[in-house]
Protein backbone atom coordinates (compact mmCIF):
# COMPACT_ATOMS: atom_id res chain seq x y z
CA MET A 1 106.13 92.49 76.93
CA ALA A 2 102.42 93.05 77.32
CA THR A 3 101.01 90.72 79.88
CA GLN A 4 98.63 90.84 82.78
CA TYR A 5 101.53 89.61 84.91
CA GLY A 6 102.90 93.08 84.40
CA SER A 7 99.69 94.96 85.00
CA ILE A 8 100.99 97.21 87.75
CA ASN A 9 99.69 100.37 86.23
CA ASP A 10 100.58 103.85 87.22
CA GLN A 11 99.54 106.21 84.43
CA SER A 12 99.83 104.11 81.29
CA GLY A 13 100.10 100.46 82.17
CA ASP A 14 102.27 98.31 84.36
CA ASP A 15 105.50 100.11 83.55
CA ALA A 16 105.03 103.51 81.97
CA PRO A 17 107.30 104.27 78.99
CA ILE A 18 110.73 105.05 80.39
CA ASN A 19 112.98 107.83 79.23
CA ASN A 20 116.43 106.25 79.14
CA SER A 21 118.11 109.25 80.74
CA LYS A 22 115.65 109.09 83.62
CA ALA A 23 116.27 105.38 84.02
CA HIS A 24 120.00 105.98 84.45
CA ALA A 25 119.28 108.77 86.92
CA MET A 26 117.27 106.52 89.26
CA PRO A 27 118.25 106.55 92.95
CA GLU A 28 120.94 104.04 93.94
CA SER A 29 118.49 102.33 96.31
CA VAL A 30 116.33 101.39 93.34
CA ARG A 31 119.23 100.04 91.28
CA GLU A 32 121.05 98.30 94.11
CA PRO A 33 120.71 94.49 93.62
CA PHE A 34 120.46 93.81 97.36
CA SER A 35 117.88 96.51 98.06
CA VAL A 36 114.39 95.35 99.00
CA ILE A 37 112.87 97.76 96.49
CA PRO A 38 113.53 95.69 93.31
CA TYR A 39 111.95 92.66 94.96
CA MET A 40 108.88 94.67 95.86
CA GLN A 41 108.76 95.76 92.25
CA LEU A 42 109.06 92.16 91.07
CA MET A 43 105.97 91.35 93.17
CA ARG A 44 104.28 94.49 91.77
CA LEU A 45 103.51 95.63 95.32
CA ASP A 46 104.04 99.23 94.28
CA ARG A 47 101.41 99.04 91.53
CA PRO A 48 98.28 97.22 92.68
CA ALA A 49 95.92 97.50 89.70
CA GLY A 50 96.83 94.16 88.12
CA PHE A 51 96.53 92.43 91.47
CA ILE A 52 92.78 92.73 91.08
CA GLY A 53 92.99 90.51 88.00
CA PHE A 54 94.47 87.74 90.14
CA TYR A 55 92.29 88.35 93.19
CA MET A 56 88.86 88.69 91.60
CA PRO A 57 88.61 85.11 90.26
CA ALA A 58 89.29 83.86 93.78
CA VAL A 59 86.57 86.10 95.19
CA LEU A 60 84.29 84.98 92.37
CA GLY A 61 84.79 81.36 93.42
CA LEU A 62 84.03 82.27 97.03
CA VAL A 63 80.77 84.10 96.36
CA TYR A 64 79.77 81.45 93.81
CA ALA A 65 80.29 78.66 96.35
CA ALA A 66 78.50 80.64 99.06
CA SER A 67 75.52 81.23 96.76
CA ILE A 68 75.08 77.57 95.75
CA ALA A 69 75.77 76.03 99.17
CA GLU A 70 73.08 75.55 101.79
CA PRO A 71 72.05 78.98 103.16
CA SER A 72 73.56 78.29 106.58
CA ALA A 73 76.72 76.59 105.27
CA VAL A 74 78.78 79.76 104.78
CA SER A 75 78.43 82.63 107.24
CA PRO A 76 79.37 86.23 106.34
CA VAL A 77 82.29 85.96 108.77
CA GLN A 78 83.57 82.83 107.02
CA LEU A 79 83.24 84.56 103.67
CA LEU A 80 85.21 87.54 104.92
CA GLN A 81 87.91 85.30 106.41
CA ARG A 82 88.35 83.46 103.13
CA CYS A 83 88.51 86.77 101.22
CA ILE A 84 91.37 87.84 103.49
CA PHE A 85 93.09 84.46 103.09
CA PHE A 86 93.00 84.68 99.30
CA PHE A 87 94.05 88.32 99.38
CA VAL A 88 97.31 87.23 100.99
CA ALA A 89 97.57 84.13 98.78
CA ASN A 90 97.17 86.15 95.61
CA LEU A 91 99.85 88.63 96.64
CA LEU A 92 102.18 85.62 96.58
CA ILE A 93 100.64 84.04 93.46
CA ARG A 94 100.98 87.25 91.50
CA GLY A 95 104.42 87.90 92.95
CA ALA A 96 105.75 84.48 92.02
CA ALA A 97 104.13 84.61 88.56
CA CYS A 98 105.49 88.09 87.83
CA THR A 99 108.97 87.17 89.06
CA TRP A 100 109.03 84.07 86.85
CA ASN A 101 107.61 86.00 83.90
CA ASP A 102 110.17 88.81 84.23
CA ASN A 103 113.03 86.32 84.43
CA ILE A 104 111.94 84.38 81.35
CA ASP A 105 111.08 87.53 79.39
CA GLN A 106 114.06 89.68 80.38
CA GLU A 107 115.59 89.79 76.88
CA TYR A 108 112.24 90.73 75.34
CA ASP A 109 111.57 93.30 78.08
CA ARG A 110 114.77 95.14 77.20
CA LYS A 111 113.36 95.70 73.72
CA VAL A 112 110.05 97.18 74.94
CA ASP A 113 110.07 100.76 76.19
CA ARG A 114 107.41 100.18 78.84
CA CYS A 115 109.12 97.08 80.26
CA ARG A 116 112.87 97.72 80.02
CA ASN A 117 113.06 99.24 83.50
CA ARG A 118 111.72 96.14 85.26
CA PRO A 119 114.13 94.93 87.99
CA ILE A 120 115.61 91.93 86.16
CA ALA A 121 115.67 93.61 82.75
CA ARG A 122 117.58 96.61 84.13
CA GLY A 123 119.96 94.44 86.17
CA ALA A 124 118.81 95.34 89.69
CA VAL A 125 118.07 91.65 90.30
CA SER A 126 120.10 88.86 88.71
CA THR A 127 118.59 85.84 86.99
CA THR A 128 119.65 83.57 89.87
CA GLN A 129 118.31 85.96 92.50
CA GLY A 130 115.02 86.12 90.61
CA HIS A 131 114.67 82.35 90.56
CA ILE A 132 115.48 82.08 94.27
CA PHE A 133 112.93 84.77 95.07
CA MET A 134 110.31 83.00 92.97
CA LEU A 135 110.97 79.71 94.79
CA ALA A 136 110.71 81.45 98.16
CA GLN A 137 107.31 82.85 97.26
CA THR A 138 106.21 79.46 95.97
CA ALA A 139 107.30 77.79 99.23
CA ALA A 140 105.24 80.32 101.19
CA LEU A 141 102.26 79.52 98.97
CA VAL A 142 102.64 75.78 99.51
CA TRP A 143 102.65 76.36 103.27
CA LEU A 144 99.59 78.61 103.02
CA PHE A 145 97.63 76.25 100.77
CA ASN A 146 98.31 73.41 103.19
CA TYR A 147 95.48 74.88 105.27
CA LEU A 148 92.97 74.34 102.45
CA PRO A 149 90.90 71.15 101.91
CA ARG A 150 92.65 68.46 99.88
CA GLN A 151 90.04 68.94 97.14
CA CYS A 152 91.93 72.10 96.22
CA ASP A 153 95.30 70.40 95.65
CA VAL A 154 95.00 69.13 92.09
CA TYR A 155 93.55 72.42 90.83
CA ALA A 156 96.19 74.48 92.65
CA ILE A 157 98.99 72.36 91.17
CA ALA A 158 97.52 72.68 87.68
CA MET A 159 97.18 76.42 88.20
CA GLY A 160 100.84 76.72 89.17
CA ALA A 161 102.00 74.62 86.22
CA LEU A 162 100.14 76.85 83.79
CA TYR A 163 101.65 79.99 85.27
CA VAL A 164 105.06 78.41 84.69
CA LEU A 165 104.13 77.64 81.09
CA TYR A 166 102.57 81.01 80.31
CA PRO A 167 105.69 83.11 79.50
CA PHE A 168 106.77 80.60 76.88
CA CYS A 169 103.39 80.70 75.13
CA LYS A 170 104.09 84.15 73.71
CA ARG A 171 106.84 82.53 71.68
CA PHE A 172 104.76 79.93 69.86
CA THR A 173 101.10 81.02 69.85
CA HIS A 174 99.11 84.18 69.25
CA TYR A 175 96.71 83.14 72.03
CA PRO A 176 98.65 83.52 75.30
CA GLN A 177 95.69 85.46 76.71
CA ALA A 178 93.50 82.37 76.36
CA ILE A 179 96.14 80.25 78.11
CA LEU A 180 96.49 82.83 80.89
CA GLY A 181 92.73 82.62 81.43
CA VAL A 182 92.90 78.92 82.35
CA PRO A 183 94.84 79.23 85.65
CA LEU A 184 92.69 82.22 86.55
CA ALA A 185 89.63 80.04 85.91
CA LEU A 186 91.10 77.26 88.05
CA ALA A 187 91.39 79.81 90.87
CA ILE A 188 87.59 79.90 90.91
CA ILE A 189 87.46 76.17 91.65
CA VAL A 190 90.23 76.34 94.27
CA SER A 191 88.48 79.07 96.23
CA ALA A 192 85.05 77.47 95.83
CA TYR A 193 86.33 74.27 97.43
CA SER A 194 88.21 76.19 100.14
CA PHE A 195 85.17 76.44 102.41
CA GLY A 196 85.01 72.66 102.72
CA VAL A 197 81.22 72.73 102.43
CA LEU A 198 80.93 71.51 98.84
CA GLU A 199 81.40 67.77 98.47
CA SER A 200 81.84 68.12 94.72
CA LEU A 201 81.22 70.70 92.04
CA TRP A 202 80.79 67.91 89.51
CA SER A 203 78.34 65.45 91.09
CA ASN A 204 75.28 67.53 90.25
CA PRO A 205 74.94 67.96 86.46
CA ASP A 206 73.53 71.49 86.70
CA THR A 207 76.22 72.63 89.12
CA ALA A 208 78.88 71.02 86.94
CA LYS A 209 77.59 72.86 83.87
CA ALA A 210 77.44 76.15 85.77
CA THR A 211 80.99 75.70 87.08
CA ILE A 212 82.35 74.97 83.60
CA ALA A 213 80.43 77.97 82.24
CA LEU A 214 81.89 80.21 84.92
CA CYS A 215 85.41 79.02 84.15
CA ILE A 216 84.90 79.73 80.45
CA VAL A 217 83.54 83.16 81.39
CA GLU A 218 86.80 83.90 83.20
CA ILE A 219 88.82 82.75 80.18
CA PHE A 220 86.81 84.95 77.81
CA TRP A 221 87.05 87.91 80.18
CA THR A 222 90.83 87.47 80.45
CA MET A 223 91.09 87.36 76.67
CA ILE A 224 89.16 90.64 76.45
CA TYR A 225 90.99 92.73 79.04
CA ASP A 226 94.46 91.34 78.37
CA THR A 227 94.16 91.84 74.62
CA ILE A 228 93.15 95.46 75.23
CA TYR A 229 96.07 95.77 77.64
CA ALA A 230 98.48 94.27 75.09
CA HIS A 231 97.64 97.00 72.58
CA GLN A 232 99.88 99.32 74.62
CA ASP A 233 102.93 97.47 73.31
CA LEU A 234 101.63 96.45 69.91
CA GLN A 235 104.36 98.01 67.77
CA ASP A 236 107.17 96.97 70.14
CA ASP A 237 105.80 93.43 70.30
CA ILE A 238 105.67 93.19 66.52
CA LYS A 239 109.30 94.34 66.27
CA ALA A 240 110.41 91.95 69.03
CA GLY A 241 108.56 89.01 67.51
CA VAL A 242 106.23 88.61 70.49
CA LYS A 243 102.95 86.87 69.74
CA SER A 244 99.63 87.93 71.25
CA MET A 245 95.99 88.29 70.36
CA ALA A 246 96.60 92.03 70.00
CA VAL A 247 99.14 91.25 67.27
CA ARG A 248 96.97 88.57 65.65
CA PHE A 249 93.78 90.69 65.65
CA GLN A 250 95.32 94.16 65.56
CA ASN A 251 92.80 95.36 62.98
CA SER A 252 89.74 93.62 64.42
CA THR A 253 90.24 93.60 68.18
CA LYS A 254 86.96 95.34 68.97
CA GLN A 255 84.98 92.90 66.83
CA LEU A 256 86.70 89.98 68.56
CA CYS A 257 86.08 91.43 72.03
CA THR A 258 82.43 92.03 71.15
CA VAL A 259 81.93 88.37 70.23
CA LEU A 260 83.71 87.23 73.40
CA ALA A 261 81.65 89.66 75.50
CA VAL A 262 78.35 88.37 74.10
CA LEU A 263 79.40 84.79 74.79
CA GLN A 264 80.53 85.80 78.28
CA VAL A 265 77.14 87.28 79.16
CA ILE A 266 75.25 84.31 77.69
CA LEU A 267 77.30 81.92 79.82
CA LEU A 268 76.70 84.04 82.93
CA VAL A 269 72.96 83.82 82.28
CA LEU A 270 73.12 80.07 81.75
CA ALA A 271 75.17 79.61 84.93
CA GLY A 272 72.47 81.48 86.82
CA ILE A 273 69.70 79.39 85.31
CA TRP A 274 71.46 76.11 86.03
CA THR A 275 72.06 77.05 89.68
CA ASP A 276 68.67 78.67 90.25
CA MET A 277 70.10 82.09 91.08
CA THR A 278 67.93 84.93 92.35
CA MET A 279 66.75 87.85 90.25
CA GLY A 280 69.39 90.02 91.89
CA TYR A 281 72.10 87.92 90.28
CA PHE A 282 70.66 88.38 86.80
CA LEU A 283 70.19 92.14 87.25
CA VAL A 284 73.55 92.88 88.86
CA GLY A 285 75.79 90.07 87.63
CA CYS A 286 74.54 89.60 84.10
CA GLY A 287 73.05 93.03 83.40
CA GLY A 288 75.92 94.91 85.01
CA SER A 289 78.51 92.86 83.12
CA ALA A 290 76.71 93.38 79.81
CA VAL A 291 76.53 97.15 80.20
CA SER A 292 80.10 97.42 81.47
CA LEU A 293 81.50 95.30 78.65
CA ALA A 294 79.62 97.33 76.04
CA VAL A 295 80.88 100.65 77.41
CA MET A 296 84.44 99.34 77.78
CA ILE A 297 84.72 97.94 74.26
CA TYR A 298 83.00 100.93 72.63
CA THR A 299 84.96 103.59 74.53
CA VAL A 300 88.53 102.28 74.62
CA ASP A 301 90.85 103.78 72.00
CA LEU A 302 93.20 100.97 71.08
CA ASN A 303 95.61 103.39 69.42
CA VAL A 304 96.17 105.29 72.68
CA PRO A 305 98.16 103.37 75.32
CA ALA A 306 96.76 105.49 78.15
CA SER A 307 93.21 104.59 77.09
CA CYS A 308 94.06 100.88 77.01
CA ALA A 309 95.57 101.11 80.49
CA LYS A 310 92.60 103.10 81.80
CA TRP A 311 90.02 100.61 80.58
CA PHE A 312 92.13 97.69 81.67
CA LYS A 313 91.80 99.03 85.22
CA LEU A 314 88.19 100.16 84.93
CA GLY A 315 87.24 96.80 83.46
CA PHE A 316 88.19 95.07 86.70
CA VAL A 317 86.08 97.52 88.67
CA PHE A 318 82.95 97.39 86.53
CA VAL A 319 82.96 94.06 84.68
CA GLY A 320 84.75 91.98 87.30
CA GLY A 321 82.92 93.85 90.04
CA SER A 322 79.54 93.15 88.45
CA MET A 323 80.20 89.40 88.17
CA ASN A 324 81.30 89.16 91.80
CA ALA A 325 78.51 91.42 93.03
CA GLY A 326 75.90 89.31 91.22
CA PHE A 327 76.77 86.15 93.14
CA PHE A 328 77.20 88.12 96.36
CA VAL A 329 73.70 89.58 96.00
CA ALA A 330 72.32 86.08 95.39
CA TYR A 331 74.13 84.85 98.50
CA LEU A 332 72.69 87.68 100.62
CA GLU A 333 69.18 87.15 99.26
CA LYS A 334 69.28 83.43 100.08
CA LEU A 335 70.82 84.13 103.49
CA LEU A 336 68.15 86.67 104.41
CA ALA A 337 65.35 84.40 103.13
CA HIS A 338 66.63 81.61 105.38
CA GLN A 339 66.57 83.72 108.53
C-alpha cells in the first residue's frame, strides 16, 4: 500500500515492483524469520529516503525554536546535539511506525506488487514477532524521550497515538495523507520544546499563530508529497479497495497539489511575519519552497511510478530543505547580530 511509512526508495519507491520468481529466489538469510535482515527491513534501515520525511519536521521544530528564542538561548553546539538526538529518535519512530503499518496492512500488501515482498507480507516475520518488535522500539523511544522536558510529553503521546491510528485510516477515508501530516506536525512542537528554553509556544499570540501556521504547513506538505508518492500504486490500490488522496483525486492531483502549495507558501510567509523573521528566511525559506514546489508539481509525471518516486525524494531535499534552511538562516543572522 502506498504510504510514506513505506518510503524506503531504491529505484522506484519504497519497495520496487517485485518479480515473483525473483522473490522466491531470494537468499535464505533474507527469508529466514530469525535473521536480523527482515527486522532491518521493517525499520527501513536499508532504504533511507523516507526517513527524511520523519526527520525533517523534527529539525524544522529545532531551527524554528532556535530562531524565535533569545539569541543566546540556543548555541550551535546545542542545536547540533538536538539534531543528533532526534536523528536517533526518528530512526525508532519510523521503525516502530513502519513495523506497525506493515503488520496491519499485510493482507493489502500481498495484493500490491511493490509491497508484497515486505518482511511480514512475505512471511519472513510473523504477526506476533512484528508486534513484539514494534513494542521493543516503542520502549526504547519512551526511554529516550524521558530525557526531554515534560512539555514534550502530551504532544509525543498524541503523535504516537496518531501513528497507531494511521494504517486504519486508509480503510475509511480518502484523506490518510492529511491524517499522517498531523503527527509529523506534532513533531515540530516536540522538538521545539526539547531545548527547554521556550516557556510556551502559546502564551504569545503571534508565536502561537506562527506555530499553528507551521504545523498546517507540514500537513499540507505531507499531503502533497505523499499523494504524489501514492500514485505509484494507484491501480493496485483501486483494485485492493485502498483509499487515498491519489485515488480520490486521480484526475486532478496536480491541481490539488498546486492549491495546497500556494497555501503552504502563504502560511510560511505569515509565520515569518508573525515571528519577525529576517529577510534571509523569506528569501530562502519562502522563496526556495515556492520555486521547489512549482518545479516539483509541474515536472512530476504521475503516470510514471519512477517519476513519482524521484520527486518524492527530491521534494524532501528541495522543499523540505528550503523550509529548514530558511529558519536556520534566520537563526544564524540573529546569532551573528547578537555577537
